[in-house]
Amino acid sequence: MKKTTTFYVLFSLAVIGILALPVGIANFVFGYIFGDSPCVLCWGQRQSMIYISIAALFILRYGFKPKYLAMLLLITAFGLWESFYHLGSHGMQDIGQGFGLAIFSLHTQFWAEVVFWAVVLLLGIIFFFAPSLKTFVSEMGEAKFRKLTVMNIIAFWVFFIVIISNIIQAFVASGPPPFIGQGDPVRYSWNPKYTIWSMESWSDMRWPVHFLGKRSVNLPELALKASKEASSSYEDSPFVIKDVLKVDSKRVSTLKLNSPISDLNYKDGKMLVATEKYGLYITDKNLTSISTYFVLDNYFSSTIEKFVGANFVDGNLRITGMNKTSVDVKENPKADKVANFRYFTKGADKFEELSRYNLKTSRGTAYYVLSARSDGTHTYMMTVPNNLYKNLIVISTLDSDKGLAAEYTPRLGDKVKLKDNRSLDELYVTAMAYKDGKLYAASKAYNTLLVLDIKTQEISKVYGIPKEVANIRAMTFVDGKLLVSSYEDGKDVFYTLEF
């Protein structure tokens, strides 16, 4: 029986610990002394800690039973979800930023996560050294209740004191139902004229709820699954278009590639050809012969989702995926095939991977991109709309350190006009090219070409692209003309367009 007595003493100490430390300090010290008033999520996490204590008290009173252990685990799991949800909404903030009071420079939403993991750890330790179930059953005999020890009784009294105090604080700060507390609470005060009873947070509890929350966006439209919903006629464009490009030539690609072309980039006699399924081919200027190529293992290290941009950066190649993850690659005809096996599924003996990195954005977090182009100093991307978010955002990164340089919605120049009740966000940019300080962006929707002045961040000109170019996927400048790749009827088709 000595083992069961020790077990219940430890359990009592655990109850006292969770009530006196996280819940008690938050209530008495933070609340009454420093005036900290919990937000809705903070109250929820504090309640979960209290429910854990209640489940533990059931064990102290009625003896150890599997159903009480199940209650403890279920409540702790829910508390972990609550704290992770709360912490996640603040996790990417800059140093020193947060919500509520800070302990060791870490805000309370972080410490809630620590508390619930501590519960899991303590439960594991206590039950690891617990006696057998037969011993617990033998101790109880026919009794319905356990005879409480002094330590057990102290645990109950600590519980009642802390709970009553929290009820008082909750009533004063948040009010009775249907008031639910504040998402951004005011300082705690005993004076009723300073308290605010609010129901605004009910509006945030929408149904149905997407499992992925703000990240439940659909994948962008790709060449292999091209959508025909948007018009491919510049006449339907949201812009007033007066100038239209002319088709100078058209031909079907004869290159043997592993998937549709997703980017073209020409420089100094070399043409980079990126494909949707992680292929990068280096060809001649006329796109007739392949000199070398690789196919990336996109799952190694940081996952790259579908190639959308290929650029020459500092003597190497930088390929960007639609998830804004990029990889730097170096040509090396004598590359070690064994050492590079993990990076490439093809071309491990001709290329070396240098690094991969994930671009962290602010405005563009919930967007994919289908284009990326470098001007030699910065790489630019443009977001494509999805089922939840529709804004067209220009994202700029510094090539030298790969960090975020800017995010903005471009302004309209004096000569650029939108039609009535139309928006820039209707466009679907699938290709970009750079020339003379201007970024050229082609929208598959409405066959519209934007000319963005990088310095002024203004759209200085818009052009129409003939409807004949049915599915724009990539473009680059060659000898002053715009070379466009369009994926039509299962083939890459090259168009040369003149201004």
Protein backbone atom coordinates (compact mmCIF):
# COMPACT_ATOMS: atom_id res chain seq x y z
CA MET A 1 0.00 0.00 0.00
CA LYS A 2 2.99 2.24 0.44
CA LYS A 3 3.35 2.52 -3.31
CA THR A 4 -0.25 3.72 -3.74
CA THR A 5 0.21 6.26 -0.94
CA THR A 6 3.28 7.66 -2.71
CA PHE A 7 1.40 7.70 -5.99
CA TYR A 8 -1.47 9.76 -4.53
CA VAL A 9 0.96 12.13 -2.80
CA LEU A 10 2.65 12.78 -6.14
CA PHE A 11 -0.72 13.27 -7.77
CA SER A 12 -1.70 15.76 -5.08
CA LEU A 13 1.52 17.69 -5.64
CA ALA A 14 0.83 17.72 -9.39
CA VAL A 15 -2.64 19.19 -8.77
CA ILE A 16 -1.23 21.82 -6.41
CA GLY A 17 1.53 22.60 -8.90
CA ILE A 18 -0.73 23.22 -11.89
CA LEU A 19 -3.20 25.26 -9.82
CA ALA A 20 -0.76 27.26 -7.70
CA LEU A 21 1.77 27.98 -10.45
CA PRO A 22 0.29 28.64 -13.92
CA VAL A 23 -3.36 29.17 -12.91
CA GLY A 24 -2.72 30.74 -9.51
CA ILE A 25 0.06 33.10 -10.65
CA ALA A 26 -1.95 34.15 -13.71
CA ASN A 27 -4.97 34.85 -11.51
CA PHE A 28 -3.50 36.44 -8.37
CA VAL A 29 -0.21 37.97 -9.56
CA PHE A 30 -0.84 38.86 -13.21
CA GLY A 31 -4.54 39.60 -12.73
CA TYR A 32 -4.91 41.38 -9.41
CA ILE A 33 -1.44 42.92 -9.09
CA PHE A 34 -0.41 43.72 -12.68
CA GLY A 35 -3.93 44.13 -14.09
CA ASP A 36 -3.57 41.46 -16.79
CA SER A 37 -6.97 40.51 -18.16
CA PRO A 38 -7.05 37.27 -20.19
CA CYS A 39 -8.27 37.20 -23.77
CA VAL A 40 -10.79 34.60 -24.94
CA LEU A 41 -8.08 32.08 -25.86
CA CYS A 42 -6.22 32.66 -22.59
CA TRP A 43 -9.40 31.94 -20.65
CA GLY A 44 -9.90 28.77 -22.67
CA GLN A 45 -6.41 27.51 -21.88
CA ARG A 46 -6.80 28.40 -18.21
CA GLN A 47 -10.07 26.44 -18.14
CA SER A 48 -8.35 23.41 -19.68
CA MET A 49 -5.74 23.53 -16.90
CA ILE A 50 -8.55 23.62 -14.34
CA TYR A 51 -10.32 20.67 -16.01
CA ILE A 52 -7.06 18.70 -15.85
CA SER A 53 -7.00 19.39 -12.10
CA ILE A 54 -10.62 18.23 -11.77
CA ALA A 55 -9.80 14.93 -13.50
CA ALA A 56 -6.83 14.49 -11.15
CA LEU A 57 -9.06 15.19 -8.14
CA PHE A 58 -11.43 12.45 -9.30
CA ILE A 59 -8.49 10.04 -9.07
CA LEU A 60 -7.63 11.30 -5.59
CA ARG A 61 -11.21 10.85 -4.42
CA TYR A 62 -12.41 7.74 -6.26
CA GLY A 63 -9.12 5.95 -6.84
CA PHE A 64 -7.22 5.25 -10.01
CA LYS A 65 -9.45 4.16 -12.90
CA PRO A 66 -8.59 4.06 -16.61
CA LYS A 67 -11.50 6.37 -17.49
CA TYR A 68 -10.03 9.14 -15.32
CA LEU A 69 -6.67 8.73 -17.01
CA ALA A 70 -8.49 8.95 -20.36
CA MET A 71 -10.11 12.21 -19.19
CA LEU A 72 -6.70 13.62 -18.30
CA LEU A 73 -5.22 12.75 -21.69
CA LEU A 74 -8.19 14.04 -23.69
CA ILE A 75 -8.29 17.37 -21.84
CA THR A 76 -4.50 17.76 -22.14
CA ALA A 77 -4.69 17.03 -25.88
CA PHE A 78 -7.35 19.71 -26.28
CA GLY A 79 -5.26 22.14 -24.22
CA LEU A 80 -2.25 21.47 -26.44
CA TRP A 81 -4.34 22.27 -29.49
CA GLU A 82 -5.60 25.50 -27.88
CA SER A 83 -2.14 26.65 -26.89
CA PHE A 84 -0.64 25.70 -30.27
CA TYR A 85 -3.41 27.63 -32.04
CA HIS A 86 -2.76 30.66 -29.83
CA LEU A 87 1.02 30.46 -30.06
CA GLY A 88 0.88 29.89 -33.80
CA SER A 89 -0.94 33.18 -34.39
CA HIS A 90 1.99 35.03 -32.79
CA GLY A 91 4.85 32.64 -33.55
CA MET A 92 6.25 34.52 -36.57
CA GLN A 93 6.37 37.93 -34.93
CA ASP A 94 9.65 39.80 -34.53
CA ILE A 95 11.65 39.56 -31.34
CA GLY A 96 10.02 41.35 -28.42
CA GLN A 97 6.57 41.31 -30.02
CA GLY A 98 3.72 39.38 -28.48
CA PHE A 99 0.45 39.54 -26.58
CA GLY A 100 0.04 40.07 -22.86
CA LEU A 101 2.69 40.00 -20.16
CA ALA A 102 6.09 38.46 -20.81
CA ILE A 103 8.11 36.07 -18.63
CA PHE A 104 11.80 35.84 -19.57
CA SER A 105 10.91 37.81 -22.72
CA LEU A 106 8.39 35.11 -23.75
CA HIS A 107 4.70 35.95 -23.66
CA THR A 108 1.99 34.01 -21.87
CA GLN A 109 0.77 32.17 -24.96
CA PHE A 110 4.16 30.45 -25.11
CA TRP A 111 4.05 29.38 -21.46
CA ALA A 112 0.61 27.78 -21.87
CA GLU A 113 2.17 25.41 -24.39
CA VAL A 114 4.94 24.64 -21.89
CA VAL A 115 2.38 23.89 -19.13
CA PHE A 116 0.45 21.34 -21.19
CA TRP A 117 3.62 19.57 -22.28
CA ALA A 118 4.72 19.58 -18.64
CA VAL A 119 1.44 17.81 -17.77
CA VAL A 120 2.22 15.11 -20.35
CA LEU A 121 5.76 14.74 -18.98
CA LEU A 122 4.64 14.56 -15.33
CA LEU A 123 1.89 12.06 -16.12
CA GLY A 124 4.45 9.90 -17.89
CA ILE A 125 6.85 10.01 -14.93
CA ILE A 126 4.15 9.38 -12.28
CA PHE A 127 2.54 6.49 -14.14
CA PHE A 128 5.90 4.97 -15.05
CA PHE A 129 6.54 4.36 -11.35
CA ALA A 130 2.91 3.65 -10.44
CA PRO A 131 1.99 0.27 -8.88
CA SER A 132 -0.05 -2.32 -10.78
CA LEU A 133 -3.80 -1.96 -11.27
CA LYS A 134 -4.29 -4.95 -8.97
CA THR A 135 -2.69 -2.96 -6.16
CA PHE A 136 -5.08 -0.02 -6.70
CA VAL A 137 -8.09 -2.38 -6.72
CA SER A 138 -6.88 -4.14 -3.58
CA GLU A 139 -6.46 -0.84 -1.75
CA MET A 140 -10.00 0.32 -2.56
CA GLY A 141 -11.67 -3.00 -1.71
CA GLU A 142 -15.45 -2.47 -1.63
CA ALA A 143 -15.18 1.22 -0.72
CA LYS A 144 -16.63 3.79 -3.11
CA PHE A 145 -14.40 6.58 -1.89
CA ARG A 146 -10.80 6.84 -0.87
CA LYS A 147 -9.93 8.07 2.57
CA LEU A 148 -8.17 11.35 1.88
CA THR A 149 -4.77 12.08 3.38
CA VAL A 150 -3.64 15.52 4.54
CA MET A 151 -1.88 16.14 1.21
CA ASN A 152 -5.03 15.15 -0.69
CA ILE A 153 -7.12 17.55 1.37
CA ILE A 154 -4.64 20.38 0.76
CA ALA A 155 -4.97 19.75 -3.00
CA PHE A 156 -8.76 20.07 -2.74
CA TRP A 157 -8.51 23.33 -0.74
CA VAL A 158 -6.02 24.83 -3.19
CA PHE A 159 -8.42 23.90 -5.98
CA PHE A 160 -11.43 25.57 -4.33
CA ILE A 161 -9.54 28.78 -3.51
CA VAL A 162 -8.07 29.16 -6.99
CA ILE A 163 -11.35 28.30 -8.73
CA ILE A 164 -13.42 30.75 -6.68
CA SER A 165 -10.89 33.52 -7.35
CA ASN A 166 -10.91 32.77 -11.10
CA ILE A 167 -14.72 32.81 -11.17
CA ILE A 168 -14.65 36.26 -9.56
CA GLN A 169 -12.04 37.55 -12.01
CA ALA A 170 -13.88 36.09 -15.01
CA PHE A 171 -17.16 37.66 -13.93
CA VAL A 172 -15.62 41.09 -13.31
CA ALA A 173 -13.51 41.16 -16.50
CA SER A 174 -15.72 39.28 -18.97
CA GLY A 175 -19.24 39.19 -17.54
CA PRO A 176 -21.89 36.46 -17.50
CA PRO A 177 -23.13 34.64 -20.63
CA PRO A 178 -23.78 35.55 -23.41
CA PHE A 179 -20.76 37.83 -22.90
CA ILE A 180 -17.67 35.92 -24.00
CA GLY A 181 -14.71 38.11 -23.12
CA GLN A 182 -12.50 40.20 -25.34
CA GLY A 183 -10.13 39.26 -28.10
CA ASP A 184 -8.05 42.30 -27.14
CA PRO A 185 -8.85 42.85 -23.44
CA VAL A 186 -8.51 46.04 -21.40
CA ARG A 187 -6.57 46.32 -18.15
CA TYR A 188 -8.26 44.53 -15.24
CA SER A 189 -10.05 46.80 -12.79
CA TRP A 190 -12.45 46.38 -9.88
CA ASN A 191 -14.15 49.61 -10.92
CA PRO A 192 -17.16 48.72 -13.14
CA LYS A 193 -16.86 51.90 -15.19
CA TYR A 194 -13.54 50.60 -16.61
CA THR A 195 -14.72 47.08 -17.42
CA ILE A 196 -16.02 46.05 -20.82
CA TRP A 197 -18.37 43.12 -21.31
CA SER A 198 -18.22 42.15 -24.95
CA MET A 199 -19.82 39.69 -27.38
CA GLU A 200 -17.67 40.64 -30.40
CA SER A 201 -15.64 37.41 -30.31
CA TRP A 202 -18.75 35.39 -31.20
CA SER A 203 -18.36 36.69 -34.76
CA ASP A 204 -14.99 34.92 -35.02
CA MET A 205 -16.58 31.54 -34.31
CA ARG A 206 -17.75 30.81 -37.83
CA TRP A 207 -19.14 27.54 -39.14
CA PRO A 208 -18.20 25.58 -41.12
CA VAL A 209 -14.54 25.92 -40.12
CA HIS A 210 -11.80 25.02 -42.59
CA PHE A 211 -9.45 22.45 -41.11
CA LEU A 212 -6.42 24.31 -42.48
CA GLY A 213 -7.76 27.74 -41.55
CA LYS A 214 -6.22 30.54 -43.61
CA ARG A 215 -4.06 27.99 -45.43
CA SER A 216 -6.98 26.11 -46.98
CA VAL A 217 -6.31 27.72 -50.35
CA ASN A 218 -6.56 25.83 -53.60
CA LEU A 219 -3.53 25.05 -55.75
CA PRO A 220 -2.82 27.40 -58.65
CA GLU A 221 -3.81 26.57 -62.18
CA LEU A 222 -0.96 24.76 -63.95
CA ALA A 223 -0.36 23.83 -67.56
CA LEU A 224 -1.26 20.15 -67.15
CA LYS A 225 -4.56 21.12 -65.52
CA ALA A 226 -5.36 24.31 -67.33
CA SER A 227 -8.65 26.01 -66.54
CA LYS A 228 -10.86 27.47 -69.23
CA GLU A 229 -12.97 29.58 -66.89
CA ALA A 230 -11.31 32.96 -67.55
CA SER A 231 -11.49 34.61 -70.92
CA SER A 232 -8.34 34.60 -73.06
CA SER A 233 -9.44 37.72 -74.92
CA TYR A 234 -7.76 41.02 -74.08
CA GLU A 235 -11.03 42.73 -75.03
CA ASP A 236 -12.49 41.35 -71.78
CA SER A 237 -9.54 42.60 -69.74
CA PRO A 238 -10.23 44.76 -66.67
CA PHE A 239 -7.95 47.37 -68.31
CA VAL A 240 -8.73 49.73 -71.14
CA ILE A 241 -6.36 48.37 -73.80
CA LYS A 242 -5.44 50.37 -76.87
CA ASP A 243 -2.19 48.70 -77.96
CA VAL A 244 -1.98 45.06 -79.01
CA LEU A 245 1.14 42.99 -79.66
CA LYS A 246 1.56 41.31 -83.02
CA VAL A 247 2.43 37.67 -83.64
CA ASP A 248 5.65 37.60 -85.67
CA SER A 249 6.11 33.82 -85.73
CA LYS A 250 4.73 30.59 -84.29
CA ARG A 251 6.18 27.11 -84.01
CA VAL A 252 5.69 23.96 -82.00
CA SER A 253 8.57 22.99 -79.71
CA THR A 254 10.66 19.99 -80.72
CA LEU A 255 12.48 19.79 -77.37
CA LYS A 256 12.14 16.54 -75.48
CA LEU A 257 11.17 17.69 -71.99
CA ASN A 258 9.71 15.88 -69.00
CA SER A 259 6.68 18.19 -68.66
CA PRO A 260 5.27 21.52 -69.92
CA ILE A 261 7.51 24.60 -69.93
CA SER A 262 6.96 26.86 -66.92
CA ASP A 263 9.66 29.49 -67.54
CA LEU A 264 12.08 30.74 -70.18
CA ASN A 265 15.07 33.00 -69.56
CA TYR A 266 17.62 34.01 -72.19
CA LYS A 267 21.05 35.52 -71.52
CA ASP A 268 24.38 35.55 -73.37
CA GLY A 269 23.57 32.75 -75.79
CA LYS A 270 22.05 30.46 -73.14
CA MET A 271 18.37 29.71 -72.77
CA LEU A 272 17.09 28.38 -69.45
CA VAL A 273 14.00 26.23 -69.83
CA ALA A 274 12.22 25.31 -66.59
CA THR A 275 9.50 22.69 -66.63
CA GLU A 276 6.55 22.10 -64.39
CA LYS A 277 7.92 18.80 -63.05
CA TYR A 278 11.26 20.03 -61.67
CA GLY A 279 13.29 19.96 -64.87
CA LEU A 280 15.83 22.63 -65.84
CA TYR A 281 17.18 22.42 -69.39
CA ILE A 282 19.88 24.59 -70.94
CA THR A 283 19.40 25.04 -74.68
CA ASP A 284 20.65 27.14 -77.54
CA LYS A 285 19.15 30.52 -78.37
CA ASN A 286 16.69 29.05 -80.87
CA LEU A 287 15.40 26.35 -78.52
CA THR A 288 16.35 23.55 -80.89
CA SER A 289 18.94 21.52 -78.96
CA ILE A 290 19.58 20.70 -75.29
CA SER A 291 23.17 21.01 -74.07
CA THR A 292 22.58 19.78 -70.52
CA TYR A 293 19.78 19.36 -67.98
CA PHE A 294 18.77 18.09 -64.58
CA VAL A 295 15.61 16.99 -62.81
CA LEU A 296 15.54 17.99 -59.17
CA ASP A 297 14.56 15.78 -56.25
CA ASN A 298 12.05 18.34 -54.97
CA TYR A 299 11.39 16.49 -51.70
CA PHE A 300 14.94 16.57 -50.39
CA SER A 301 15.51 19.28 -47.77
CA SER A 302 13.03 22.15 -48.26
CA THR A 303 10.23 21.01 -50.54
CA ILE A 304 9.97 22.89 -53.81
CA GLU A 305 6.52 22.81 -55.39
CA LYS A 306 6.55 23.01 -59.21
CA PHE A 307 9.19 25.11 -60.95
CA VAL A 308 7.91 28.54 -62.01
CA GLY A 309 11.07 30.64 -62.36
CA ALA A 310 14.65 30.14 -63.60
CA ASN A 311 17.23 32.92 -63.28
CA PHE A 312 20.94 33.63 -63.67
CA VAL A 313 22.17 34.83 -60.26
CA ASP A 314 25.84 35.52 -59.44
CA GLY A 315 27.14 33.06 -62.01
CA ASN A 316 24.84 30.26 -60.85
CA LEU A 317 21.26 29.23 -61.52
CA ARG A 318 18.39 29.98 -59.14
CA ILE A 319 15.14 28.07 -59.65
CA THR A 320 12.00 29.09 -57.79
CA GLY A 321 8.95 26.97 -57.04
CA MET A 322 5.34 28.07 -56.85
CA ASN A 323 5.57 27.89 -53.03
CA LYS A 324 8.29 30.61 -53.05
CA THR A 325 11.02 28.11 -52.17
CA SER A 326 14.16 28.39 -54.28
CA VAL A 327 17.26 26.31 -54.98
CA ASP A 328 20.66 27.51 -56.16
CA VAL A 329 22.41 25.17 -58.58
CA LYS A 330 25.85 25.25 -60.19
CA GLU A 331 26.90 23.69 -63.49
CA ASN A 332 29.77 21.26 -63.12
CA PRO A 333 30.51 18.73 -65.92
CA LYS A 334 32.68 16.79 -63.44
CA ALA A 335 30.19 16.75 -60.57
CA ASP A 336 30.35 13.84 -58.14
CA LYS A 337 27.34 11.70 -59.05
CA VAL A 338 27.37 9.86 -55.73
CA ALA A 339 27.58 13.04 -53.62
CA ASN A 340 24.78 14.66 -55.66
CA PHE A 341 22.52 11.61 -55.75
CA ARG A 342 20.26 12.99 -53.02
CA TYR A 343 19.69 16.27 -54.86
CA PHE A 344 18.84 15.14 -58.38
CA THR A 345 16.90 12.32 -59.98
CA LYS A 346 18.66 13.14 -63.26
CA GLY A 347 21.79 15.17 -63.95
CA ALA A 348 23.64 14.45 -60.70
CA ASP A 349 26.90 14.14 -62.66
CA LYS A 350 26.51 17.55 -64.32
CA PHE A 351 25.20 19.85 -61.59
CA GLU A 352 25.74 20.62 -57.91
CA GLU A 353 23.11 21.92 -55.54
CA LEU A 354 24.39 24.82 -53.44
CA SER A 355 21.47 25.66 -51.14
CA ARG A 356 17.72 25.82 -50.73
CA TYR A 357 15.76 28.42 -48.86
CA ASN A 358 12.15 29.31 -48.03
CA LEU A 359 11.10 32.90 -48.58
CA LYS A 360 9.05 34.25 -45.67
CA THR A 361 6.58 36.91 -46.72
CA SER A 362 3.99 39.04 -44.94
CA ARG A 363 1.27 40.08 -47.37
CA GLY A 364 1.92 37.12 -49.68
CA THR A 365 1.90 34.36 -47.09
CA ALA A 366 -1.33 32.72 -48.29
CA TYR A 367 -0.55 32.99 -52.01
CA TYR A 368 1.23 30.88 -54.60
CA VAL A 369 3.24 32.41 -57.43
CA LEU A 370 3.59 31.26 -61.03
CA SER A 371 6.47 33.48 -62.09
CA ALA A 372 9.83 34.76 -60.83
CA ARG A 373 12.30 37.05 -62.58
CA SER A 374 15.60 38.62 -61.53
CA ASP A 375 16.89 41.98 -62.71
CA GLY A 376 20.40 41.18 -61.45
CA THR A 377 19.82 42.66 -58.00
CA HIS A 378 16.31 41.61 -57.01
CA THR A 379 14.03 38.73 -57.92
CA TYR A 380 10.38 39.63 -58.43
CA MET A 381 7.29 37.47 -58.12
CA MET A 382 3.59 38.15 -58.52
CA THR A 383 0.88 36.35 -56.58
CA VAL A 384 -2.02 34.56 -58.22
CA PRO A 385 -5.53 34.66 -56.70
CA ASN A 386 -7.05 31.63 -54.97
CA ASN A 387 -10.37 30.61 -53.43
CA LEU A 388 -9.80 32.75 -50.31
CA TYR A 389 -7.50 35.62 -51.31
CA LYS A 390 -7.59 37.67 -54.50
CA ASN A 391 -4.98 40.45 -54.30
CA LEU A 392 -2.23 40.84 -56.86
CA ILE A 393 0.94 41.47 -54.84
CA VAL A 394 4.43 42.12 -56.16
CA ILE A 395 7.06 40.40 -54.01
CA SER A 396 10.68 41.50 -54.22
CA THR A 397 13.66 39.64 -52.75
CA LEU A 398 17.30 40.67 -52.59
CA ASP A 399 19.37 38.25 -54.67
CA SER A 400 22.49 38.61 -52.52
CA ASP A 401 21.00 37.44 -49.21
CA LYS A 402 17.69 35.96 -50.43
CA GLY A 403 15.75 38.08 -47.95
CA LEU A 404 12.44 39.86 -48.46
CA ALA A 405 12.94 43.37 -49.87
CA ALA A 406 9.38 44.57 -50.52
CA GLU A 407 5.75 43.58 -50.94
CA TYR A 408 3.26 45.90 -52.56
CA THR A 409 0.24 46.27 -54.79
CA PRO A 410 1.40 48.24 -57.84
CA ARG A 411 -0.08 51.64 -58.54
CA LEU A 412 -1.57 52.58 -61.88
CA GLY A 413 0.28 55.11 -64.02
CA ASP A 414 -1.44 58.15 -65.51
CA LYS A 415 -1.95 56.44 -68.87
CA VAL A 416 -3.35 53.20 -67.44
CA LYS A 417 -7.09 52.97 -66.83
CA LEU A 418 -9.33 50.31 -65.36
CA LYS A 419 -12.82 49.75 -66.67
CA ASP A 420 -15.72 50.60 -64.38
CA ASN A 421 -16.18 48.15 -61.50
CA ARG A 422 -13.13 46.14 -62.58
CA SER A 423 -10.01 45.29 -60.61
CA LEU A 424 -6.32 44.56 -61.01
CA ASP A 425 -6.92 41.47 -58.87
CA GLU A 426 -8.77 39.77 -61.74
CA LEU A 427 -5.47 39.05 -63.47
CA TYR A 428 -3.65 35.71 -63.27
CA VAL A 429 0.05 36.29 -63.90
CA THR A 430 1.75 33.18 -65.26
CA ALA A 431 4.89 34.60 -66.90
CA MET A 432 7.37 37.45 -66.43
CA ALA A 433 10.31 38.96 -68.29
CA TYR A 434 12.72 41.81 -67.56
CA LYS A 435 14.16 44.50 -69.82
CA ASP A 436 15.63 47.98 -69.28
CA GLY A 437 14.33 48.57 -65.77
CA LYS A 438 10.86 47.30 -66.60
CA LEU A 439 9.17 44.11 -65.49
CA TYR A 440 6.79 42.60 -68.04
CA ALA A 441 4.08 40.40 -66.58
CA ALA A 442 1.66 38.35 -68.69
CA SER A 443 -1.75 37.35 -67.37
CA LYS A 444 -3.21 34.16 -68.78
CA ALA A 445 -6.60 35.52 -67.84
CA TYR A 446 -7.61 38.15 -70.42
CA ASN A 447 -4.28 37.90 -72.30
CA THR A 448 -3.05 41.11 -70.74
CA LEU A 449 0.58 42.24 -70.57
CA LEU A 450 1.53 44.63 -67.76
CA VAL A 451 4.64 46.80 -67.86
CA LEU A 452 5.80 47.55 -64.31
CA ASP A 453 8.29 50.33 -63.64
CA ILE A 454 10.40 48.84 -60.86
CA LYS A 455 11.58 52.18 -59.47
CA THR A 456 8.16 53.86 -59.23
CA GLN A 457 6.23 50.62 -58.53
CA GLU A 458 3.71 51.77 -61.15
CA ILE A 459 2.09 49.95 -64.03
CA SER A 460 3.15 52.32 -66.78
CA LYS A 461 1.63 50.52 -69.76
CA VAL A 462 -0.70 47.66 -70.65
CA TYR A 463 -0.86 45.67 -73.89
CA GLY A 464 -3.21 43.11 -75.30
CA ILE A 465 -1.88 39.71 -76.36
CA PRO A 466 -3.61 38.10 -79.35
CA LYS A 467 -6.17 35.46 -78.42
CA GLU A 468 -4.22 33.03 -80.57
CA VAL A 469 -1.76 32.71 -77.66
CA ALA A 470 -4.19 30.59 -75.70
CA ASN A 471 -2.33 29.42 -72.58
CA ILE A 472 0.62 31.64 -71.61
CA ARG A 473 3.17 29.86 -69.40
CA ALA A 474 6.58 31.51 -69.87
CA MET A 475 8.31 34.37 -71.67
CA THR A 476 11.64 36.12 -72.16
CA PHE A 477 13.20 38.73 -74.43
CA VAL A 478 15.34 37.58 -77.37
CA ASP A 479 16.81 40.23 -79.70
CA GLY A 480 14.27 42.80 -78.54
CA LYS A 481 11.28 40.59 -79.24
CA LEU A 482 9.12 38.83 -76.69
CA LEU A 483 9.33 35.04 -76.87
CA VAL A 484 6.28 33.42 -75.27
CA SER A 485 5.65 29.74 -74.53
CA SER A 486 2.04 28.58 -74.54
CA TYR A 487 0.92 25.06 -73.67
CA GLU A 488 -1.73 24.03 -76.21
CA ASP A 489 -3.17 20.60 -77.03
CA GLY A 490 -0.46 18.83 -75.04
CA LYS A 491 2.43 20.68 -76.71
CA ASP A 492 4.64 23.68 -75.96
CA VAL A 493 4.10 26.30 -78.65
CA PHE A 494 6.53 29.24 -79.09
CA TYR A 495 5.26 32.65 -80.22
CA THR A 496 7.45 35.61 -81.09
CA LEU A 497 5.60 38.83 -80.36
CA GLU A 498 6.41 42.37 -81.49
CA PHE A 499 5.42 45.64 -79.86
